[in-house]
Protein backbone atom coordinates (compact mmCIF):
# COMPACT_ATOMS: atom_id res chain seq x y z
CA UNK A 1 0.00 0.00 0.00
CA UNK A 2 1.40 3.35 -1.05
CA UNK A 3 1.38 6.04 1.58
CA UNK A 4 1.12 9.68 0.59
CA UNK A 5 4.27 11.76 0.60
CA UNK A 6 3.28 14.47 3.08
CA UNK A 7 6.26 16.63 2.12
CA UNK A 8 4.86 17.08 -1.40
CA UNK A 9 1.55 18.53 -0.22
CA UNK A 10 1.47 22.32 -0.44
CA UNK A 11 1.35 24.07 2.93
CA UNK A 12 -1.76 26.19 3.18
CA UNK A 13 -4.45 27.24 5.61
CA UNK A 14 -7.61 25.14 5.80
CA UNK A 15 -10.64 26.60 4.05
CA UNK A 16 -12.57 27.18 7.28
CA UNK A 17 -9.99 29.73 8.47
CA UNK A 18 -11.17 32.25 5.91
CA UNK A 19 -14.91 31.65 6.28
CA UNK A 20 -16.81 34.85 6.90
CA UNK A 21 -19.78 35.28 9.17
CA UNK A 22 -23.07 34.36 7.55
CA UNK A 23 -25.85 36.92 7.69
CA UNK A 24 -29.22 35.48 8.72
CA UNK A 25 -31.88 35.23 6.04
CA UNK A 26 -34.32 38.14 6.06
CA UNK A 27 -37.32 35.83 5.92
CA UNK A 28 -36.02 33.55 8.68
CA UNK A 29 -38.80 33.71 11.27
CA UNK A 30 -37.60 30.89 13.52
CA UNK A 31 -35.62 32.11 16.51
CA UNK A 32 -33.51 30.09 18.95
CA UNK A 33 -35.83 31.12 21.80
CA UNK A 34 -38.68 29.16 20.16
CA UNK A 35 -36.84 25.91 20.90
CA UNK A 36 -35.50 26.71 24.36
CA UNK A 37 -37.41 28.68 26.98
CA UNK A 38 -34.18 29.35 28.90
CA UNK A 39 -32.97 31.51 25.99
CA UNK A 40 -36.08 33.68 26.32
CA UNK A 41 -35.27 34.17 29.99
CA UNK A 42 -31.67 35.16 29.18
CA UNK A 43 -32.93 37.60 26.54
CA UNK A 44 -34.86 39.44 29.24
CA UNK A 45 -31.49 40.73 30.48
CA UNK A 46 -29.44 40.55 27.25
CA UNK A 47 -31.68 41.38 24.30
CA UNK A 48 -29.29 40.18 21.58
CA UNK A 49 -28.19 36.99 23.33
CA UNK A 50 -27.72 34.12 20.86
CA UNK A 51 -28.16 36.37 17.81
CA UNK A 52 -25.65 35.85 15.01
CA UNK A 53 -22.64 38.15 14.93
CA UNK A 54 -22.25 40.24 11.78
CA UNK A 55 -18.92 41.35 10.30
CA UNK A 56 -19.85 44.93 11.21
CA UNK A 57 -20.57 43.99 14.84
CA UNK A 58 -17.25 42.12 14.95
CA UNK A 59 -15.40 45.22 13.74
CA UNK A 60 -17.20 47.47 16.24
CA UNK A 61 -16.50 45.02 19.06
CA UNK A 62 -12.80 44.81 18.26
CA UNK A 63 -12.49 48.60 17.96
CA UNK A 64 -14.27 49.21 21.27
CA UNK A 65 -12.16 46.59 23.05
CA UNK A 66 -8.94 48.05 21.66
CA UNK A 67 -10.13 51.50 22.76
CA UNK A 68 -10.09 50.22 26.33
CA UNK A 69 -13.67 49.25 27.13
CA UNK A 70 -14.10 46.43 29.64
CA UNK A 71 -15.93 43.18 28.96
CA UNK A 72 -18.80 44.37 31.17
CA UNK A 73 -19.10 47.68 29.27
CA UNK A 74 -19.05 45.83 25.95
CA UNK A 75 -21.70 43.40 27.18
CA UNK A 76 -23.96 46.30 28.09
CA UNK A 77 -23.32 48.13 24.80
CA UNK A 78 -23.84 45.04 22.63
CA UNK A 79 -26.72 43.72 24.77
CA UNK A 80 -25.05 40.33 25.13
CA UNK A 81 -23.72 38.20 27.96
CA UNK A 82 -20.15 38.94 29.15
CA UNK A 83 -19.19 35.34 28.37
CA UNK A 84 -20.37 35.80 24.77
CA UNK A 85 -18.28 38.97 24.43
CA UNK A 86 -15.20 37.17 25.76
CA UNK A 87 -15.65 34.21 23.42
CA UNK A 88 -16.23 36.45 20.41
CA UNK A 89 -13.11 38.50 21.14
CA UNK A 90 -11.10 35.29 21.37
CA UNK A 91 -12.53 34.08 18.05
CA UNK A 92 -11.83 37.39 16.32
CA UNK A 93 -8.26 37.44 17.63
CA UNK A 94 -7.64 33.86 16.55
CA UNK A 95 -8.98 34.55 13.06
CA UNK A 96 -6.81 37.68 12.75
CA UNK A 97 -3.71 35.84 13.95
CA UNK A 98 -4.35 32.98 11.55
CA UNK A 99 -4.77 35.31 8.56
CA UNK A 100 -1.54 37.11 9.48
CA UNK A 101 0.44 33.88 9.81
CA UNK A 102 3.10 33.36 7.20
CA UNK A 103 5.12 30.34 6.21
CA UNK A 104 8.80 30.71 7.08
CA UNK A 105 11.23 30.80 4.16
CA UNK A 106 13.64 28.39 5.80
CA UNK A 107 13.14 25.67 8.35
CA UNK A 108 13.69 26.64 11.95
CA UNK A 109 16.68 25.02 13.66
CA UNK A 110 15.79 22.07 15.82
C-alpha atoms as a PDB file:
ATOM      1  CA  UNK A   1       0.000   0.000   0.000  1.00  0.00           C
ATOM      2  CA  UNK A   2       1.403   3.346  -1.046  1.00  0.00           C
ATOM      3  CA  UNK A   3       1.378   6.044   1.582  1.00  0.00           C
ATOM      4  CA  UNK A   4       1.118   9.682   0.587  1.00  0.00           C
ATOM      5  CA  UNK A   5       4.270  11.757   0.599  1.00  0.00           C
ATOM      6  CA  UNK A   6       3.281  14.467   3.082  1.00  0.00           C
ATOM      7  CA  UNK A   7       6.258  16.625   2.124  1.00  0.00           C
ATOM      8  CA  UNK A   8       4.863  17.079  -1.396  1.00  0.00           C
ATOM      9  CA  UNK A   9       1.549  18.528  -0.217  1.00  0.00           C
ATOM     10  CA  UNK A  10       1.466  22.322  -0.436  1.00  0.00           C
ATOM     11  CA  UNK A  11       1.354  24.066   2.929  1.00  0.00           C
ATOM     12  CA  UNK A  12      -1.764  26.193   3.184  1.00  0.00           C
ATOM     13  CA  UNK A  13      -4.453  27.237   5.607  1.00  0.00           C
ATOM     14  CA  UNK A  14      -7.614  25.143   5.800  1.00  0.00           C
ATOM     15  CA  UNK A  15     -10.639  26.604   4.049  1.00  0.00           C
ATOM     16  CA  UNK A  16     -12.571  27.183   7.280  1.00  0.00           C
ATOM     17  CA  UNK A  17      -9.990  29.729   8.473  1.00  0.00           C
ATOM     18  CA  UNK A  18     -11.170  32.254   5.906  1.00  0.00           C
ATOM     19  CA  UNK A  19     -14.907  31.654   6.281  1.00  0.00           C
ATOM     20  CA  UNK A  20     -16.812  34.850   6.902  1.00  0.00           C
ATOM     21  CA  UNK A  21     -19.779  35.279   9.170  1.00  0.00           C
ATOM     22  CA  UNK A  22     -23.069  34.355   7.546  1.00  0.00           C
ATOM     23  CA  UNK A  23     -25.852  36.918   7.689  1.00  0.00           C
ATOM     24  CA  UNK A  24     -29.219  35.476   8.725  1.00  0.00           C
ATOM     25  CA  UNK A  25     -31.877  35.234   6.044  1.00  0.00           C
ATOM     26  CA  UNK A  26     -34.317  38.141   6.058  1.00  0.00           C
ATOM     27  CA  UNK A  27     -37.324  35.833   5.924  1.00  0.00           C
ATOM     28  CA  UNK A  28     -36.021  33.554   8.682  1.00  0.00           C
ATOM     29  CA  UNK A  29     -38.805  33.714  11.271  1.00  0.00           C
ATOM     30  CA  UNK A  30     -37.596  30.893  13.517  1.00  0.00           C
ATOM     31  CA  UNK A  31     -35.620  32.113  16.514  1.00  0.00           C
ATOM     32  CA  UNK A  32     -33.514  30.094  18.948  1.00  0.00           C
ATOM     33  CA  UNK A  33     -35.834  31.116  21.797  1.00  0.00           C
ATOM     34  CA  UNK A  34     -38.681  29.165  20.161  1.00  0.00           C
ATOM     35  CA  UNK A  35     -36.839  25.912  20.902  1.00  0.00           C
ATOM     36  CA  UNK A  36     -35.498  26.711  24.358  1.00  0.00           C
ATOM     37  CA  UNK A  37     -37.412  28.677  26.981  1.00  0.00           C
ATOM     38  CA  UNK A  38     -34.178  29.351  28.900  1.00  0.00           C
ATOM     39  CA  UNK A  39     -32.972  31.514  25.988  1.00  0.00           C
ATOM     40  CA  UNK A  40     -36.080  33.681  26.318  1.00  0.00           C
ATOM     41  CA  UNK A  41     -35.270  34.166  29.987  1.00  0.00           C
ATOM     42  CA  UNK A  42     -31.669  35.160  29.178  1.00  0.00           C
ATOM     43  CA  UNK A  43     -32.928  37.600  26.540  1.00  0.00           C
ATOM     44  CA  UNK A  44     -34.862  39.444  29.244  1.00  0.00           C
ATOM     45  CA  UNK A  45     -31.491  40.734  30.478  1.00  0.00           C
ATOM     46  CA  UNK A  46     -29.439  40.554  27.254  1.00  0.00           C
ATOM     47  CA  UNK A  47     -31.684  41.382  24.303  1.00  0.00           C
ATOM     48  CA  UNK A  48     -29.288  40.177  21.581  1.00  0.00           C
ATOM     49  CA  UNK A  49     -28.188  36.988  23.332  1.00  0.00           C
ATOM     50  CA  UNK A  50     -27.724  34.121  20.858  1.00  0.00           C
ATOM     51  CA  UNK A  51     -28.161  36.368  17.808  1.00  0.00           C
ATOM     52  CA  UNK A  52     -25.648  35.854  15.012  1.00  0.00           C
ATOM     53  CA  UNK A  53     -22.635  38.151  14.935  1.00  0.00           C
ATOM     54  CA  UNK A  54     -22.251  40.237  11.783  1.00  0.00           C
ATOM     55  CA  UNK A  55     -18.923  41.351  10.301  1.00  0.00           C
ATOM     56  CA  UNK A  56     -19.850  44.933  11.213  1.00  0.00           C
ATOM     57  CA  UNK A  57     -20.565  43.992  14.841  1.00  0.00           C
ATOM     58  CA  UNK A  58     -17.247  42.118  14.950  1.00  0.00           C
ATOM     59  CA  UNK A  59     -15.401  45.220  13.743  1.00  0.00           C
ATOM     60  CA  UNK A  60     -17.197  47.467  16.236  1.00  0.00           C
ATOM     61  CA  UNK A  61     -16.505  45.015  19.057  1.00  0.00           C
ATOM     62  CA  UNK A  62     -12.797  44.810  18.258  1.00  0.00           C
ATOM     63  CA  UNK A  63     -12.488  48.598  17.957  1.00  0.00           C
ATOM     64  CA  UNK A  64     -14.268  49.206  21.272  1.00  0.00           C
ATOM     65  CA  UNK A  65     -12.155  46.594  23.050  1.00  0.00           C
ATOM     66  CA  UNK A  66      -8.936  48.049  21.655  1.00  0.00           C
ATOM     67  CA  UNK A  67     -10.134  51.498  22.755  1.00  0.00           C
ATOM     68  CA  UNK A  68     -10.094  50.221  26.331  1.00  0.00           C
ATOM     69  CA  UNK A  69     -13.671  49.249  27.129  1.00  0.00           C
ATOM     70  CA  UNK A  70     -14.105  46.432  29.639  1.00  0.00           C
ATOM     71  CA  UNK A  71     -15.926  43.176  28.956  1.00  0.00           C
ATOM     72  CA  UNK A  72     -18.796  44.369  31.167  1.00  0.00           C
ATOM     73  CA  UNK A  73     -19.096  47.677  29.266  1.00  0.00           C
ATOM     74  CA  UNK A  74     -19.051  45.828  25.948  1.00  0.00           C
ATOM     75  CA  UNK A  75     -21.696  43.395  27.185  1.00  0.00           C
ATOM     76  CA  UNK A  76     -23.962  46.304  28.090  1.00  0.00           C
ATOM     77  CA  UNK A  77     -23.316  48.128  24.801  1.00  0.00           C
ATOM     78  CA  UNK A  78     -23.840  45.042  22.632  1.00  0.00           C
ATOM     79  CA  UNK A  79     -26.716  43.723  24.773  1.00  0.00           C
ATOM     80  CA  UNK A  80     -25.050  40.330  25.135  1.00  0.00           C
ATOM     81  CA  UNK A  81     -23.716  38.204  27.963  1.00  0.00           C
ATOM     82  CA  UNK A  82     -20.147  38.935  29.155  1.00  0.00           C
ATOM     83  CA  UNK A  83     -19.188  35.345  28.374  1.00  0.00           C
ATOM     84  CA  UNK A  84     -20.365  35.803  24.770  1.00  0.00           C
ATOM     85  CA  UNK A  85     -18.283  38.968  24.432  1.00  0.00           C
ATOM     86  CA  UNK A  86     -15.202  37.174  25.761  1.00  0.00           C
ATOM     87  CA  UNK A  87     -15.649  34.207  23.417  1.00  0.00           C
ATOM     88  CA  UNK A  88     -16.227  36.446  20.407  1.00  0.00           C
ATOM     89  CA  UNK A  89     -13.110  38.504  21.139  1.00  0.00           C
ATOM     90  CA  UNK A  90     -11.102  35.285  21.368  1.00  0.00           C
ATOM     91  CA  UNK A  91     -12.533  34.079  18.055  1.00  0.00           C
ATOM     92  CA  UNK A  92     -11.826  37.392  16.320  1.00  0.00           C
ATOM     93  CA  UNK A  93      -8.258  37.445  17.633  1.00  0.00           C
ATOM     94  CA  UNK A  94      -7.639  33.863  16.546  1.00  0.00           C
ATOM     95  CA  UNK A  95      -8.975  34.553  13.063  1.00  0.00           C
ATOM     96  CA  UNK A  96      -6.812  37.679  12.750  1.00  0.00           C
ATOM     97  CA  UNK A  97      -3.706  35.836  13.953  1.00  0.00           C
ATOM     98  CA  UNK A  98      -4.352  32.983  11.554  1.00  0.00           C
ATOM     99  CA  UNK A  99      -4.770  35.308   8.562  1.00  0.00           C
ATOM    100  CA  UNK A 100      -1.545  37.109   9.478  1.00  0.00           C
ATOM    101  CA  UNK A 101       0.437  33.876   9.811  1.00  0.00           C
ATOM    102  CA  UNK A 102       3.104  33.364   7.196  1.00  0.00           C
ATOM    103  CA  UNK A 103       5.122  30.339   6.209  1.00  0.00           C
ATOM    104  CA  UNK A 104       8.803  30.713   7.084  1.00  0.00           C
ATOM    105  CA  UNK A 105      11.232  30.800   4.162  1.00  0.00           C
ATOM    106  CA  UNK A 106      13.643  28.390   5.799  1.00  0.00           C
ATOM    107  CA  UNK A 107      13.143  25.670   8.355  1.00  0.00           C
ATOM    108  CA  UNK A 108      13.691  26.643  11.950  1.00  0.00           C
ATOM    109  CA  UNK A 109      16.681  25.023  13.663  1.00  0.00           C
ATOM    110  CA  UNK A 110      15.792  22.066  15.822  1.00  0.00           C
END
